[in-house]
Amino acid sequence: MSKTKGFFIVLEGPDKCGKSTQAALLTRALINAKCKAIHTREPGGASVAFAEKIRELVLDPDNIVHPLSELFLYEAARVQHVEELIRPAIEQGAIVVCERYTLATLVYQGHARGLDPALVKRLNAIATNGLKPHLTLLLDIPETQFKLRDPGRNLDRLEQETSKFRKRVRDGYRLAAKSEPHIELIDGTGPKFSVHRQIISQVAKLTRIDVTPVPLEPNLIKSS
């Protein structure tokens, strides 16, 4: 990898599709390959304090949030995340692995909440100042998988939505996979290591880096 060129890789998908597990595994594999790799997430950010405060606010199940307010909160967190962490890291040659980005906003606030997709895209473009992923990996799982994964975990405000909402989210993602560039659809229902190998294959194709899959570790076995 060039010392002056980084990559921006996003993992997307419905709640509990395995993003956190797969993002952690990918980051570990990249580090093992001697790459500078950073694992972060939206809303919030690995070390972006202000965006993390917004995350706490927007995902608090005790809050009742209007869809338009929700959209602006996500975009405000994104501005801080992009300018404080993502863009500088890419410019310094790092590979940024991010759980969710603008596609999630288009799907959750646009397709599932019913806000105007054109408005969501316009605000996404403003919040990111045009920064787009080099690759988006979409982990697809059916809505029926939701209650089977991490059944004892406390649910945040978005995770407490109805099954109809989750179905709209999945439909929105699958629709986007057909029309948006640089999206690779991956079956998230398979064994975690099999999913990891598919992701490694796609990332190696993009970066031309020889990346070896890493074994699963107990503390990485979770869904998100």
Foldseek 3Di string as FASTA:
>chain_A
DDQQAEFEEEEEEFFQLQLQLLLVQVQVLCVVLVAAEAEFEPQPTPPQVVSVVLVCVLFAQVDDDDLVRSLVSRLVSLLSHQVVPVVVCRRRHHYYYYYDALLLCLQQSPQLVPDPSVVSVVSSCVSNVNDDGQAYEYAADQLVCLCVFPVPDDGTNVSPDDSVSSNSSRVSVVVCQVPPPRYDYDHSPDPPQVSSVVVQVVVCVRPVGDTDGDDDDPVSPHTD
